Amino acid sequence: MAEVVNLRMARKAKARAAKAQSAAENRTRSSRSKGEKAAQQADMARVVSLLDGAKRERD
């Protein structure tokens, strides 16, 4: 005979596994590498310094 399986627990385990798989795919799709983060931070610093240099002083 086959092993007795609690269907509720099996369904929940299957849903958890599907959710974990989906989360792993989303992490790989939308995460940025360390180099990309550093490049964006350097670009933002450049833009901020450019804007600060263009500010007019109030007298």
PDB file of N, CA and C in Angstrom:
ATOM      1  N   MET A   1       0.821  -1.197   0.000  1.00  0.00           N
ATOM      2  CA  MET A   1       0.000   0.000   0.000  1.00  0.00           C
ATOM      3  C   MET A   1       0.858   1.251   0.000  1.00  0.00           C
ATOM      4  N   ALA A   2       0.256   2.321  -0.421  1.00  0.00           N
ATOM      5  CA  ALA A   2       0.957   3.595  -0.484  1.00  0.00           C
ATOM      6  C   ALA A   2       1.010   4.247   0.897  1.00  0.00           C
ATOM      7  N   GLU A   3       1.903   5.182   1.027  1.00  0.00           N
ATOM      8  CA  GLU A   3       2.061   5.898   2.285  1.00  0.00           C
ATOM      9  C   GLU A   3       0.915   6.899   2.454  1.00  0.00           C
ATOM     10  N   VAL A   4       0.428   7.033   3.672  1.00  0.00           N
ATOM     11  CA  VAL A   4      -0.654   7.971   3.969  1.00  0.00           C
ATOM     12  C   VAL A   4      -0.065   9.379   4.006  1.00  0.00           C
ATOM     13  N   VAL A   5      -0.695  10.299   3.269  1.00  0.00           N
ATOM     14  CA  VAL A   5      -0.195  11.667   3.175  1.00  0.00           C
ATOM     15  C   VAL A   5      -1.300  12.622   3.603  1.00  0.00           C
ATOM     16  N   ASN A   6      -0.965  13.545   4.471  1.00  0.00           N
ATOM     17  CA  ASN A   6      -1.904  14.581   4.869  1.00  0.00           C
ATOM     18  C   ASN A   6      -1.958  15.591   3.720  1.00  0.00           C
ATOM     19  N   LEU A   7      -3.082  15.678   3.045  1.00  0.00           N
ATOM     20  CA  LEU A   7      -3.191  16.515   1.852  1.00  0.00           C
ATOM     21  C   LEU A   7      -3.009  17.995   2.155  1.00  0.00           C
ATOM     22  N   ARG A   8      -3.496  18.430   3.303  1.00  0.00           N
ATOM     23  CA  ARG A   8      -3.355  19.839   3.670  1.00  0.00           C
ATOM     24  C   ARG A   8      -1.877  20.202   3.814  1.00  0.00           C
ATOM     25  N   MET A   9      -1.129  19.353   4.497  1.00  0.00           N
ATOM     26  CA  MET A   9       0.296  19.622   4.690  1.00  0.00           C
ATOM     27  C   MET A   9       1.056  19.528   3.370  1.00  0.00           C
ATOM     28  N   ALA A  10       0.683  18.589   2.526  1.00  0.00           N
ATOM     29  CA  ALA A  10       1.347  18.443   1.232  1.00  0.00           C
ATOM     30  C   ALA A  10       1.076  19.661   0.356  1.00  0.00           C
ATOM     31  N   ARG A  11      -0.155  20.163   0.387  1.00  0.00           N
ATOM     32  CA  ARG A  11      -0.510  21.331  -0.416  1.00  0.00           C
ATOM     33  C   ARG A  11       0.263  22.567   0.061  1.00  0.00           C
ATOM     34  N   LYS A  12       0.363  22.730   1.383  1.00  0.00           N
ATOM     35  CA  LYS A  12       1.102  23.865   1.935  1.00  0.00           C
ATOM     36  C   LYS A  12       2.592  23.763   1.608  1.00  0.00           C
ATOM     37  N   ALA A  13       3.151  22.578   1.684  1.00  0.00           N
ATOM     38  CA  ALA A  13       4.568  22.387   1.365  1.00  0.00           C
ATOM     39  C   ALA A  13       4.833  22.703  -0.099  1.00  0.00           C
ATOM     40  N   LYS A  14       3.913  22.289  -0.964  1.00  0.00           N
ATOM     41  CA  LYS A  14       4.056  22.569  -2.395  1.00  0.00           C
ATOM     42  C   LYS A  14       3.982  24.071  -2.651  1.00  0.00           C
ATOM     43  N   ALA A  15       3.065  24.761  -1.966  1.00  0.00           N
ATOM     44  CA  ALA A  15       2.932  26.211  -2.126  1.00  0.00           C
ATOM     45  C   ALA A  15       4.181  26.927  -1.627  1.00  0.00           C
ATOM     46  N   ARG A  16       4.741  26.461  -0.492  1.00  0.00           N
ATOM     47  CA  ARG A  16       5.965  27.069   0.027  1.00  0.00           C
ATOM     48  C   ARG A  16       7.124  26.897  -0.943  1.00  0.00           C
ATOM     49  N   ALA A  17       7.234  25.727  -1.528  1.00  0.00           N
ATOM     50  CA  ALA A  17       8.317  25.461  -2.480  1.00  0.00           C
ATOM     51  C   ALA A  17       8.167  26.339  -3.719  1.00  0.00           C
ATOM     52  N   ALA A  18       6.931  26.502  -4.196  1.00  0.00           N
ATOM     53  CA  ALA A  18       6.698  27.344  -5.371  1.00  0.00           C
ATOM     54  C   ALA A  18       7.024  28.796  -5.060  1.00  0.00           C
ATOM     55  N   LYS A  19       6.663  29.239  -3.856  1.00  0.00           N
ATOM     56  CA  LYS A  19       6.940  30.615  -3.456  1.00  0.00           C
ATOM     57  C   LYS A  19       8.445  30.853  -3.333  1.00  0.00           C
ATOM     58  N   ALA A  20       9.161  29.891  -2.781  1.00  0.00           N
ATOM     59  CA  ALA A  20      10.613  30.007  -2.649  1.00  0.00           C
ATOM     60  C   ALA A  20      11.278  30.045  -4.021  1.00  0.00           C
ATOM     61  N   GLN A  21      10.795  29.242  -4.945  1.00  0.00           N
ATOM     62  CA  GLN A  21      11.346  29.230  -6.304  1.00  0.00           C
ATOM     63  C   GLN A  21      11.107  30.576  -6.985  1.00  0.00           C
ATOM     64  N   SER A  22       9.901  31.109  -6.831  1.00  0.00           N
ATOM     65  CA  SER A  22       9.563  32.399  -7.422  1.00  0.00           C
ATOM     66  C   SER A  22      10.426  33.508  -6.824  1.00  0.00           C
ATOM     67  N   ALA A  23      10.641  33.470  -5.513  1.00  0.00           N
ATOM     68  CA  ALA A  23      11.468  34.474  -4.850  1.00  0.00           C
ATOM     69  C   ALA A  23      12.908  34.405  -5.344  1.00  0.00           C
ATOM     70  N   ALA A  24      13.425  33.214  -5.540  1.00  0.00           N
ATOM     71  CA  ALA A  24      14.793  33.059  -6.038  1.00  0.00           C
ATOM     72  C   ALA A  24      14.927  33.623  -7.451  1.00  0.00           C
ATOM     73  N   GLU A  25      13.937  33.372  -8.291  1.00  0.00           N
ATOM     74  CA  GLU A  25      13.964  33.920  -9.651  1.00  0.00           C
ATOM     75  C   GLU A  25      13.904  35.441  -9.627  1.00  0.00           C
ATOM     76  N   ASN A  26      13.062  36.003  -8.767  1.00  0.00           N
ATOM     77  CA  ASN A  26      12.947  37.458  -8.672  1.00  0.00           C
ATOM     78  C   ASN A  26      14.237  38.083  -8.164  1.00  0.00           C
ATOM     79  N   ARG A  27      14.902  37.426  -7.206  1.00  0.00           N
ATOM     80  CA  ARG A  27      16.160  37.960  -6.690  1.00  0.00           C
ATOM     81  C   ARG A  27      17.212  38.030  -7.785  1.00  0.00           C
ATOM     82  N   THR A  28      17.304  36.986  -8.595  1.00  0.00           N
ATOM     83  CA  THR A  28      18.324  36.988  -9.643  1.00  0.00           C
ATOM     84  C   THR A  28      17.971  37.966 -10.754  1.00  0.00           C
ATOM     85  N   ARG A  29      16.690  38.170 -10.995  1.00  0.00           N
ATOM     86  CA  ARG A  29      16.268  39.050 -12.077  1.00  0.00           C
ATOM     87  C   ARG A  29      16.440  40.527 -11.715  1.00  0.00           C
ATOM     88  N   SER A  30      16.145  40.893 -10.470  1.00  0.00           N
ATOM     89  CA  SER A  30      16.095  42.310 -10.141  1.00  0.00           C
ATOM     90  C   SER A  30      17.244  42.798  -9.271  1.00  0.00           C
ATOM     91  N   SER A  31      18.115  41.928  -8.841  1.00  0.00           N
ATOM     92  CA  SER A  31      19.214  42.387  -8.001  1.00  0.00           C
ATOM     93  C   SER A  31      20.313  43.001  -8.860  1.00  0.00           C
ATOM     94  N   ARG A  32      21.065  43.896  -8.234  1.00  0.00           N
ATOM     95  CA  ARG A  32      22.158  44.554  -8.944  1.00  0.00           C
ATOM     96  C   ARG A  32      23.485  44.071  -8.375  1.00  0.00           C
ATOM     97  N   SER A  33      24.483  44.054  -9.218  1.00  0.00           N
ATOM     98  CA  SER A  33      25.795  43.609  -8.765  1.00  0.00           C
ATOM     99  C   SER A  33      26.472  44.733  -7.972  1.00  0.00           C
ATOM    100  N   LYS A  34      27.545  44.382  -7.301  1.00  0.00           N
ATOM    101  CA  LYS A  34      28.281  45.352  -6.501  1.00  0.00           C
ATOM    102  C   LYS A  34      28.836  46.466  -7.386  1.00  0.00           C
ATOM    103  N   GLY A  35      29.301  46.107  -8.563  1.00  0.00           N
ATOM    104  CA  GLY A  35      29.824  47.100  -9.497  1.00  0.00           C
ATOM    105  C   GLY A  35      28.760  48.072  -9.969  1.00  0.00           C
ATOM    106  N   GLU A  36      27.563  47.557 -10.234  1.00  0.00           N
ATOM    107  CA  GLU A  36      26.472  48.434 -10.659  1.00  0.00           C
ATOM    108  C   GLU A  36      26.081  49.403  -9.558  1.00  0.00           C
ATOM    109  N   LYS A  37      26.037  48.910  -8.306  1.00  0.00           N
ATOM    110  CA  LYS A  37      25.706  49.780  -7.178  1.00  0.00           C
ATOM    111  C   LYS A  37      26.758  50.873  -7.012  1.00  0.00           C
ATOM    112  N   ALA A  38      28.033  50.509  -7.124  1.00  0.00           N
ATOM    113  CA  ALA A  38      29.117  51.478  -6.979  1.00  0.00           C
ATOM    114  C   ALA A  38      29.078  52.504  -8.101  1.00  0.00           C
ATOM    115  N   ALA A  39      28.786  52.066  -9.315  1.00  0.00           N
ATOM    116  CA  ALA A  39      28.710  52.986 -10.446  1.00  0.00           C
ATOM    117  C   ALA A  39      27.569  53.973 -10.267  1.00  0.00           C
ATOM    118  N   GLN A  40      26.438  53.495  -9.790  1.00  0.00           N
ATOM    119  CA  GLN A  40      25.305  54.389  -9.581  1.00  0.00           C
ATOM    120  C   GLN A  40      25.606  55.388  -8.469  1.00  0.00           C
ATOM    121  N   GLN A  41      26.262  54.927  -7.406  1.00  0.00           N
ATOM    122  CA  GLN A  41      26.602  55.820  -6.308  1.00  0.00           C
ATOM    123  C   GLN A  41      27.597  56.885  -6.769  1.00  0.00           C
ATOM    124  N   ALA A  42      28.574  56.512  -7.581  1.00  0.00           N
ATOM    125  CA  ALA A  42      29.541  57.470  -8.105  1.00  0.00           C
ATOM    126  C   ALA A  42      28.855  58.468  -9.027  1.00  0.00           C
ATOM    127  N   ASP A  43      27.923  57.996  -9.832  1.00  0.00           N
ATOM    128  CA  ASP A  43      27.181  58.875 -10.731  1.00  0.00           C
ATOM    129  C   ASP A  43      26.345  59.876  -9.936  1.00  0.00           C
ATOM    130  N   MET A  44      25.696  59.408  -8.873  1.00  0.00           N
ATOM    131  CA  MET A  44      24.897  60.307  -8.035  1.00  0.00           C
ATOM    132  C   MET A  44      25.786  61.343  -7.356  1.00  0.00           C
ATOM    133  N   ALA A  45      26.963  60.946  -6.896  1.00  0.00           N
ATOM    134  CA  ALA A  45      27.887  61.884  -6.267  1.00  0.00           C
ATOM    135  C   ALA A  45      28.335  62.936  -7.273  1.00  0.00           C
ATOM    136  N   ARG A  46      28.559  62.513  -8.514  1.00  0.00           N
ATOM    137  CA  ARG A  46      28.959  63.458  -9.554  1.00  0.00           C
ATOM    138  C   ARG A  46      27.843  64.455  -9.832  1.00  0.00           C
ATOM    139  N   VAL A  47      26.624  63.980  -9.907  1.00  0.00           N
ATOM    140  CA  VAL A  47      25.479  64.856 -10.181  1.00  0.00           C
ATOM    141  C   VAL A  47      25.274  65.840  -9.038  1.00  0.00           C
ATOM    142  N   VAL A  48      25.389  65.354  -7.801  1.00  0.00           N
ATOM    143  CA  VAL A  48      25.207  66.230  -6.641  1.00  0.00           C
ATOM    144  C   VAL A  48      26.277  67.307  -6.618  1.00  0.00           C
ATOM    145  N   SER A  49      27.516  66.946  -6.874  1.00  0.00           N
ATOM    146  CA  SER A  49      28.587  67.945  -6.864  1.00  0.00           C
ATOM    147  C   SER A  49      28.412  68.935  -8.009  1.00  0.00           C
ATOM    148  N   LEU A  50      27.921  68.477  -9.142  1.00  0.00           N
ATOM    149  CA  LEU A  50      27.663  69.372 -10.269  1.00  0.00           C
ATOM    150  C   LEU A  50      26.569  70.371  -9.911  1.00  0.00           C
ATOM    151  N   LEU A  51      25.517  69.900  -9.268  1.00  0.00           N
ATOM    152  CA  LEU A  51      24.431  70.792  -8.864  1.00  0.00           C
ATOM    153  C   LEU A  51      24.876  71.755  -7.771  1.00  0.00           C
ATOM    154  N   ASP A  52      25.673  71.277  -6.826  1.00  0.00           N
ATOM    155  CA  ASP A  52      26.169  72.157  -5.767  1.00  0.00           C
ATOM    156  C   ASP A  52      27.082  73.232  -6.343  1.00  0.00           C
ATOM    157  N   GLY A  53      27.836  72.906  -7.364  1.00  0.00           N
ATOM    158  CA  GLY A  53      28.715  73.879  -7.995  1.00  0.00           C
ATOM    159  C   GLY A  53      27.951  74.919  -8.797  1.00  0.00           C
ATOM    160  N   ALA A  54      26.756  74.612  -9.215  1.00  0.00           N
ATOM    161  CA  ALA A  54      25.964  75.539 -10.014  1.00  0.00           C
ATOM    162  C   ALA A  54      25.042  76.408  -9.163  1.00  0.00           C
ATOM    163  N   LYS A  55      25.036  76.197  -7.847  1.00  0.00           N
ATOM    164  CA  LYS A  55      24.169  76.992  -6.975  1.00  0.00           C
ATOM    165  C   LYS A  55      24.661  78.426  -6.908  1.00  0.00           C
ATOM    166  N   ARG A  56      23.697  79.327  -6.831  1.00  0.00           N
ATOM    167  CA  ARG A  56      24.049  80.732  -6.654  1.00  0.00           C
ATOM    168  C   ARG A  56      24.032  81.056  -5.169  1.00  0.00           C
ATOM    169  N   GLU A  57      24.945  81.899  -4.774  1.00  0.00           N
ATOM    170  CA  GLU A  57      25.009  82.330  -3.382  1.00  0.00           C
ATOM    171  C   GLU A  57      24.070  83.511  -3.199  1.00  0.00           C
ATOM    172  N   ARG A  58      23.317  83.490  -2.118  1.00  0.00           N
ATOM    173  CA  ARG A  58      22.435  84.622  -1.818  1.00  0.00           C
ATOM    174  C   ARG A  58      23.192  85.605  -0.938  1.00  0.00           C
ATOM    175  N   ASP A  59      23.028  86.862  -1.247  1.00  0.00           N
ATOM    176  CA  ASP A  59      23.713  87.900  -0.449  1.00  0.00           C
ATOM    177  C   ASP A  59      22.796  88.482   0.587  1.00  0.00           C
TER     178      ASP A  59
END
